[in-house]
Amino acid sequence: MSRESPLLNVIDVEATCWDGQPPPGSVNEIIEIGLTVVDVAARRRVSRHRVLVRPTRSAVSAFCTELTGLTQAEVERGVTFAEACRILVEEYGAGERSWASWGEYDRRQFARQSQADGVAYPFGYPTERTHTNAKAVFAAAYGLRKKPGMDHALQIAGRPLEGRHHRGEDDAWNIAALVLDLLDRGAWPDTAPVVQRLR
């Protein structure tokens, strides 16, 4: 890698979920990847994207539809997880760019599903170098003892919730607004390893 990209991928995933335990044989699978590209130097969101992913070991429950708005029929028109990872790498530079999510869930879900599906992890290694936990950075910057949910963080920062909460594309866009807030406060780490010490 020559020099660090000024572009940051902010990612939020939605996965199959249930009100209680999953049905026998079912596992949580990514069904939507929301991605907002942030130009860190210019301090602005430059684009927003959405990749629908077709689950193979689970189905979208009524609870999941109520939460995310996504239906089984909709995600069945999505791409495979392997294809989604290829898109992240080839179209959004996932292997080279740093990336951020709200908390650790998204990173862990990608790692779990990559291993389960035998698909190369799309974000490069080590994950500590490439990933920033925006929730941890926000809590530290605002002196909070508890790490807030994204919607609560927006209230704290005085920013509006745009779109629908628990829709990957909208959540990534809103998390990116919080990254911009942290950049404006001088609290966003220059490199991902800085944030690992905050956990």
C-alpha atoms as a PDB file:
ATOM      1  CA  MET A   1       0.000   0.000   0.000  1.00  0.00           C
ATOM      2  CA  SER A   2       1.425   3.369  -0.939  1.00  0.00           C
ATOM      3  CA  ARG A   3      -0.249   5.976   1.231  1.00  0.00           C
ATOM      4  CA  GLU A   4      -3.429   5.879   3.229  1.00  0.00           C
ATOM      5  CA  SER A   5      -6.594   6.600   1.310  1.00  0.00           C
ATOM      6  CA  PRO A   6      -8.379   9.807   2.303  1.00  0.00           C
ATOM      7  CA  LEU A   7     -11.610   7.837   1.831  1.00  0.00           C
ATOM      8  CA  LEU A   8     -13.242   5.988   4.702  1.00  0.00           C
ATOM      9  CA  ASN A   9     -15.952   3.360   4.261  1.00  0.00           C
ATOM     10  CA  VAL A  10     -18.662   3.603   6.914  1.00  0.00           C
ATOM     11  CA  ILE A  11     -20.551   0.322   6.998  1.00  0.00           C
ATOM     12  CA  ASP A  12     -23.720  -0.894   8.670  1.00  0.00           C
ATOM     13  CA  VAL A  13     -25.151  -4.362   8.165  1.00  0.00           C
ATOM     14  CA  GLU A  14     -28.585  -5.776   8.795  1.00  0.00           C
ATOM     15  CA  ALA A  15     -28.840  -9.505   9.410  1.00  0.00           C
ATOM     16  CA  THR A  16     -31.568 -12.088   9.781  1.00  0.00           C
ATOM     17  CA  CYS A  17     -32.943 -11.982  13.322  1.00  0.00           C
ATOM     18  CA  TRP A  18     -35.763 -13.330  15.437  1.00  0.00           C
ATOM     19  CA  ASP A  19     -37.802 -12.412  18.471  1.00  0.00           C
ATOM     20  CA  GLY A  20     -36.068 -14.976  20.664  1.00  0.00           C
ATOM     21  CA  GLN A  21     -33.991 -17.963  19.558  1.00  0.00           C
ATOM     22  CA  PRO A  22     -33.451 -18.691  15.851  1.00  0.00           C
ATOM     23  CA  PRO A  23     -35.349 -21.621  14.371  1.00  0.00           C
ATOM     24  CA  PRO A  24     -33.419 -24.921  14.379  1.00  0.00           C
ATOM     25  CA  GLY A  25     -30.624 -24.859  11.783  1.00  0.00           C
ATOM     26  CA  SER A  26     -30.858 -21.102  11.216  1.00  0.00           C
ATOM     27  CA  VAL A  27     -28.021 -18.634  11.831  1.00  0.00           C
ATOM     28  CA  ASN A  28     -27.733 -14.856  11.625  1.00  0.00           C
ATOM     29  CA  GLU A  29     -26.775 -13.890   8.065  1.00  0.00           C
ATOM     30  CA  ILE A  30     -26.123 -10.501   6.519  1.00  0.00           C
ATOM     31  CA  ILE A  31     -29.035  -9.411   4.317  1.00  0.00           C
ATOM     32  CA  GLU A  32     -28.131  -5.773   3.718  1.00  0.00           C
ATOM     33  CA  ILE A  33     -24.837  -3.887   3.618  1.00  0.00           C
ATOM     34  CA  GLY A  34     -25.165  -0.125   3.848  1.00  0.00           C
ATOM     35  CA  LEU A  35     -22.069   1.833   2.888  1.00  0.00           C
ATOM     36  CA  THR A  36     -21.350   5.561   2.987  1.00  0.00           C
ATOM     37  CA  VAL A  37     -18.035   6.835   1.643  1.00  0.00           C
ATOM     38  CA  VAL A  38     -16.549   9.696   3.657  1.00  0.00           C
ATOM     39  CA  ASP A  39     -13.804  11.956   2.322  1.00  0.00           C
ATOM     40  CA  VAL A  40     -11.912  12.476   5.584  1.00  0.00           C
ATOM     41  CA  ALA A  41      -9.790  15.366   4.278  1.00  0.00           C
ATOM     42  CA  ALA A  42     -12.781  17.263   2.855  1.00  0.00           C
ATOM     43  CA  ARG A  43     -14.943  16.260   5.845  1.00  0.00           C
ATOM     44  CA  ARG A  44     -17.963  15.280   3.810  1.00  0.00           C
ATOM     45  CA  ARG A  45     -20.048  12.278   2.831  1.00  0.00           C
ATOM     46  CA  VAL A  46     -19.433  11.684  -0.865  1.00  0.00           C
ATOM     47  CA  SER A  47     -21.705   8.740  -1.692  1.00  0.00           C
ATOM     48  CA  ARG A  48     -24.106   6.182  -0.263  1.00  0.00           C
ATOM     49  CA  HIS A  49     -24.649   2.609  -1.379  1.00  0.00           C
ATOM     50  CA  ARG A  50     -26.677  -0.475  -0.607  1.00  0.00           C
ATOM     51  CA  VAL A  51     -25.990  -4.138  -1.327  1.00  0.00           C
ATOM     52  CA  LEU A  52     -28.773  -6.659  -0.693  1.00  0.00           C
ATOM     53  CA  VAL A  53     -27.519 -10.129   0.226  1.00  0.00           C
ATOM     54  CA  ARG A  54     -29.433 -13.387  -0.238  1.00  0.00           C
ATOM     55  CA  PRO A  55     -29.353 -15.575   2.899  1.00  0.00           C
ATOM     56  CA  THR A  56     -28.802 -19.316   2.456  1.00  0.00           C
ATOM     57  CA  ARG A  57     -29.064 -20.689   6.013  1.00  0.00           C
ATOM     58  CA  SER A  58     -31.932 -18.583   7.329  1.00  0.00           C
ATOM     59  CA  ALA A  59     -35.030 -16.671   6.283  1.00  0.00           C
ATOM     60  CA  VAL A  60     -36.304 -13.177   7.050  1.00  0.00           C
ATOM     61  CA  SER A  61     -38.724 -13.430   9.982  1.00  0.00           C
ATOM     62  CA  ALA A  62     -41.760 -11.209  10.561  1.00  0.00           C
ATOM     63  CA  PHE A  63     -39.818  -9.680  13.479  1.00  0.00           C
ATOM     64  CA  CYS A  64     -36.887  -8.903  11.150  1.00  0.00           C
ATOM     65  CA  THR A  65     -39.208  -7.295   8.594  1.00  0.00           C
ATOM     66  CA  GLU A  66     -40.807  -5.152  11.285  1.00  0.00           C
ATOM     67  CA  LEU A  67     -37.366  -4.037  12.484  1.00  0.00           C
ATOM     68  CA  THR A  68     -35.637  -3.436   9.146  1.00  0.00           C
ATOM     69  CA  GLY A  69     -38.417  -3.163   6.580  1.00  0.00           C
ATOM     70  CA  LEU A  70     -36.702  -5.905   4.567  1.00  0.00           C
ATOM     71  CA  THR A  71     -38.725  -8.870   3.322  1.00  0.00           C
ATOM     72  CA  GLN A  72     -37.745 -12.373   2.255  1.00  0.00           C
ATOM     73  CA  ALA A  73     -38.898 -11.626  -1.300  1.00  0.00           C
ATOM     74  CA  GLU A  74     -36.691  -8.529  -1.413  1.00  0.00           C
ATOM     75  CA  VAL A  75     -33.511 -10.198  -0.144  1.00  0.00           C
ATOM     76  CA  GLU A  76     -34.015 -13.185  -2.443  1.00  0.00           C
ATOM     77  CA  ARG A  77     -33.270 -10.756  -5.286  1.00  0.00           C
ATOM     78  CA  GLY A  78     -29.935  -9.927  -3.608  1.00  0.00           C
ATOM     79  CA  VAL A  79     -26.472 -11.264  -4.422  1.00  0.00           C
ATOM     80  CA  THR A  80     -24.608 -14.058  -2.646  1.00  0.00           C
ATOM     81  CA  PHE A  81     -22.406 -13.150   0.324  1.00  0.00           C
ATOM     82  CA  ALA A  82     -19.328 -13.995  -1.780  1.00  0.00           C
ATOM     83  CA  GLU A  83     -20.496 -11.605  -4.508  1.00  0.00           C
ATOM     84  CA  ALA A  84     -21.224  -8.908  -1.907  1.00  0.00           C
ATOM     85  CA  CYS A  85     -17.650  -9.218  -0.603  1.00  0.00           C
ATOM     86  CA  ARG A  86     -16.306  -9.014  -4.159  1.00  0.00           C
ATOM     87  CA  ILE A  87     -18.315  -5.814  -4.709  1.00  0.00           C
ATOM     88  CA  LEU A  88     -16.919  -4.310  -1.488  1.00  0.00           C
ATOM     89  CA  VAL A  89     -13.352  -5.054  -2.582  1.00  0.00           C
ATOM     90  CA  GLU A  90     -13.584  -4.204  -6.290  1.00  0.00           C
ATOM     91  CA  GLU A  91     -16.000  -1.277  -6.247  1.00  0.00           C
ATOM     92  CA  TYR A  92     -15.373   0.278  -2.816  1.00  0.00           C
ATOM     93  CA  GLY A  93     -11.716  -0.521  -2.128  1.00  0.00           C
ATOM     94  CA  ALA A  94     -12.516  -2.486   1.035  1.00  0.00           C
ATOM     95  CA  GLY A  95      -9.072  -4.109   1.067  1.00  0.00           C
ATOM     96  CA  GLU A  96      -7.248  -0.762   1.018  1.00  0.00           C
ATOM     97  CA  ARG A  97      -9.511   1.743   2.766  1.00  0.00           C
ATOM     98  CA  SER A  98     -10.003   1.994   6.487  1.00  0.00           C
ATOM     99  CA  TRP A  99     -13.573   1.382   7.582  1.00  0.00           C
ATOM    100  CA  ALA A 100     -15.780   2.152  10.531  1.00  0.00           C
ATOM    101  CA  SER A 101     -18.970   0.798  12.060  1.00  0.00           C
ATOM    102  CA  TRP A 102     -21.023   1.580  15.144  1.00  0.00           C
ATOM    103  CA  GLY A 103     -19.626  -0.936  17.631  1.00  0.00           C
ATOM    104  CA  GLU A 104     -18.030  -4.292  16.912  1.00  0.00           C
ATOM    105  CA  TYR A 105     -21.061  -6.251  15.687  1.00  0.00           C
ATOM    106  CA  ASP A 106     -20.554  -5.558  11.984  1.00  0.00           C
ATOM    107  CA  ARG A 107     -16.862  -6.512  12.038  1.00  0.00           C
ATOM    108  CA  ARG A 108     -17.578  -9.716  13.962  1.00  0.00           C
ATOM    109  CA  GLN A 109     -20.506 -10.660  11.728  1.00  0.00           C
ATOM    110  CA  PHE A 110     -18.345 -10.278   8.598  1.00  0.00           C
ATOM    111  CA  ALA A 111     -15.602 -12.383  10.208  1.00  0.00           C
ATOM    112  CA  ARG A 112     -18.078 -15.105  11.270  1.00  0.00           C
ATOM    113  CA  GLN A 113     -19.833 -15.276   7.936  1.00  0.00           C
ATOM    114  CA  SER A 114     -16.601 -15.142   5.920  1.00  0.00           C
ATOM    115  CA  GLN A 115     -15.352 -18.158   7.857  1.00  0.00           C
ATOM    116  CA  ALA A 116     -18.675 -20.035   7.633  1.00  0.00           C
ATOM    117  CA  ASP A 117     -19.019 -19.445   3.884  1.00  0.00           C
ATOM    118  CA  GLY A 118     -15.340 -19.958   3.027  1.00  0.00           C
ATOM    119  CA  VAL A 119     -15.151 -16.435   1.609  1.00  0.00           C
ATOM    120  CA  ALA A 120     -12.106 -14.191   1.977  1.00  0.00           C
ATOM    121  CA  TYR A 121     -12.638 -11.489   4.609  1.00  0.00           C
ATOM    122  CA  PRO A 122     -13.014  -8.350   2.455  1.00  0.00           C
ATOM    123  CA  PHE A 123     -11.436  -5.692   4.698  1.00  0.00           C
ATOM    124  CA  GLY A 124      -7.783  -6.668   4.931  1.00  0.00           C
ATOM    125  CA  TYR A 125      -5.727  -7.707   7.934  1.00  0.00           C
ATOM    126  CA  PRO A 126      -5.134  -7.182  10.714  1.00  0.00           C
ATOM    127  CA  THR A 127      -8.691  -6.071  11.446  1.00  0.00           C
ATOM    128  CA  GLU A 128      -7.400  -3.844  14.264  1.00  0.00           C
ATOM    129  CA  ARG A 129      -5.487  -1.829  11.692  1.00  0.00           C
ATOM    130  CA  THR A 130      -8.335  -1.345   9.268  1.00  0.00           C
ATOM    131  CA  HIS A 131     -11.433  -1.024  11.493  1.00  0.00           C
ATOM    132  CA  THR A 132     -12.506   1.789  13.810  1.00  0.00           C
ATOM    133  CA  ASN A 133     -15.242   1.317  16.386  1.00  0.00           C
ATOM    134  CA  ALA A 134     -17.016   4.679  15.970  1.00  0.00           C
ATOM    135  CA  LYS A 135     -19.180   4.030  19.046  1.00  0.00           C
ATOM    136  CA  ALA A 136     -16.091   3.743  21.293  1.00  0.00           C
ATOM    137  CA  VAL A 137     -14.538   6.890  19.802  1.00  0.00           C
ATOM    138  CA  PHE A 138     -17.802   8.803  20.300  1.00  0.00           C
ATOM    139  CA  ALA A 139     -18.159   7.698  23.932  1.00  0.00           C
ATOM    140  CA  ALA A 140     -14.566   8.710  24.683  1.00  0.00           C
ATOM    141  CA  ALA A 141     -14.887  12.064  22.889  1.00  0.00           C
ATOM    142  CA  TYR A 142     -18.067  12.963  24.782  1.00  0.00           C
ATOM    143  CA  GLY A 143     -16.843  11.597  28.123  1.00  0.00           C
ATOM    144  CA  LEU A 144     -19.650   9.032  28.334  1.00  0.00           C
ATOM    145  CA  ARG A 145     -19.412   6.057  30.661  1.00  0.00           C
ATOM    146  CA  LYS A 146     -21.841   4.016  28.566  1.00  0.00           C
ATOM    147  CA  LYS A 147     -21.506   3.695  24.812  1.00  0.00           C
ATOM    148  CA  PRO A 148     -24.751   5.028  23.269  1.00  0.00           C
ATOM    149  CA  GLY A 149     -26.783   3.548  20.445  1.00  0.00           C
ATOM    150  CA  MET A 150     -26.523   5.377  17.146  1.00  0.00           C
ATOM    151  CA  ASP A 151     -29.906   7.119  17.467  1.00  0.00           C
ATOM    152  CA  HIS A 152     -29.032   8.359  20.994  1.00  0.00           C
ATOM    153  CA  ALA A 153     -25.607   9.509  19.780  1.00  0.00           C
ATOM    154  CA  LEU A 154     -27.273  11.604  17.077  1.00  0.00           C
ATOM    155  CA  GLN A 155     -29.374  13.313  19.767  1.00  0.00           C
ATOM    156  CA  ILE A 156     -26.263  13.972  21.868  1.00  0.00           C
ATOM    157  CA  ALA A 157     -24.471  15.450  18.851  1.00  0.00           C
ATOM    158  CA  GLY A 158     -27.526  17.520  17.891  1.00  0.00           C
ATOM    159  CA  ARG A 159     -27.866  15.855  14.511  1.00  0.00           C
ATOM    160  CA  PRO A 160     -31.088  14.551  12.937  1.00  0.00           C
ATOM    161  CA  LEU A 161     -31.803  10.899  12.241  1.00  0.00           C
ATOM    162  CA  GLU A 162     -32.122  10.711   8.455  1.00  0.00           C
ATOM    163  CA  GLY A 163     -34.176   7.901   6.933  1.00  0.00           C
ATOM    164  CA  ARG A 164     -35.196   4.730   8.752  1.00  0.00           C
ATOM    165  CA  HIS A 165     -33.314   3.344  11.761  1.00  0.00           C
ATOM    166  CA  HIS A 166     -32.272  -0.314  11.255  1.00  0.00           C
ATOM    167  CA  ARG A 167     -32.049   0.118   7.494  1.00  0.00           C
ATOM    168  CA  GLY A 168     -28.399  -0.456   6.597  1.00  0.00           C
ATOM    169  CA  GLU A 169     -28.108   2.251   3.962  1.00  0.00           C
ATOM    170  CA  ASP A 170     -29.689   4.905   6.215  1.00  0.00           C
ATOM    171  CA  ASP A 171     -27.780   3.813   9.327  1.00  0.00           C
ATOM    172  CA  ALA A 172     -24.434   3.989   7.488  1.00  0.00           C
ATOM    173  CA  TRP A 173     -25.345   7.515   6.325  1.00  0.00           C
ATOM    174  CA  ASN A 174     -26.181   8.555   9.904  1.00  0.00           C
ATOM    175  CA  ILE A 175     -23.057   6.936  11.373  1.00  0.00           C
ATOM    176  CA  ALA A 176     -21.045   8.857   8.775  1.00  0.00           C
ATOM    177  CA  ALA A 177     -22.628  12.084  10.107  1.00  0.00           C
ATOM    178  CA  LEU A 178     -21.328  11.135  13.565  1.00  0.00           C
ATOM    179  CA  VAL A 179     -17.859  10.472  12.093  1.00  0.00           C
ATOM    180  CA  LEU A 180     -17.967  13.996  10.634  1.00  0.00           C
ATOM    181  CA  ASP A 181     -18.961  15.333  14.054  1.00  0.00           C
ATOM    182  CA  LEU A 182     -15.954  13.579  15.592  1.00  0.00           C
ATOM    183  CA  LEU A 183     -13.679  14.908  12.831  1.00  0.00           C
ATOM    184  CA  ASP A 184     -14.927  18.440  13.547  1.00  0.00           C
ATOM    185  CA  ARG A 185     -14.135  17.925  17.247  1.00  0.00           C
ATOM    186  CA  GLY A 186     -10.636  16.653  16.426  1.00  0.00           C
ATOM    187  CA  ALA A 187     -11.528  13.340  18.036  1.00  0.00           C
ATOM    188  CA  TRP A 188     -11.394  10.968  15.054  1.00  0.00           C
ATOM    189  CA  PRO A 189      -8.219   8.841  15.141  1.00  0.00           C
ATOM    190  CA  ASP A 190      -5.731   9.257  12.292  1.00  0.00           C
ATOM    191  CA  THR A 191      -5.280   5.506  12.134  1.00  0.00           C
ATOM    192  CA  ALA A 192      -7.459   2.649  13.316  1.00  0.00           C
ATOM    193  CA  PRO A 193      -5.109   1.210  16.001  1.00  0.00           C
ATOM    194  CA  VAL A 194      -5.637   4.310  18.167  1.00  0.00           C
ATOM    195  CA  VAL A 195      -9.236   3.321  18.793  1.00  0.00           C
ATOM    196  CA  GLN A 196      -8.387  -0.211  19.830  1.00  0.00           C
ATOM    197  CA  ARG A 197      -6.976   1.143  23.100  1.00  0.00           C
ATOM    198  CA  LEU A 198     -10.324   2.787  23.854  1.00  0.00           C
ATOM    199  CA  ARG A 199     -12.221  -0.490  24.072  1.00  0.00           C
END
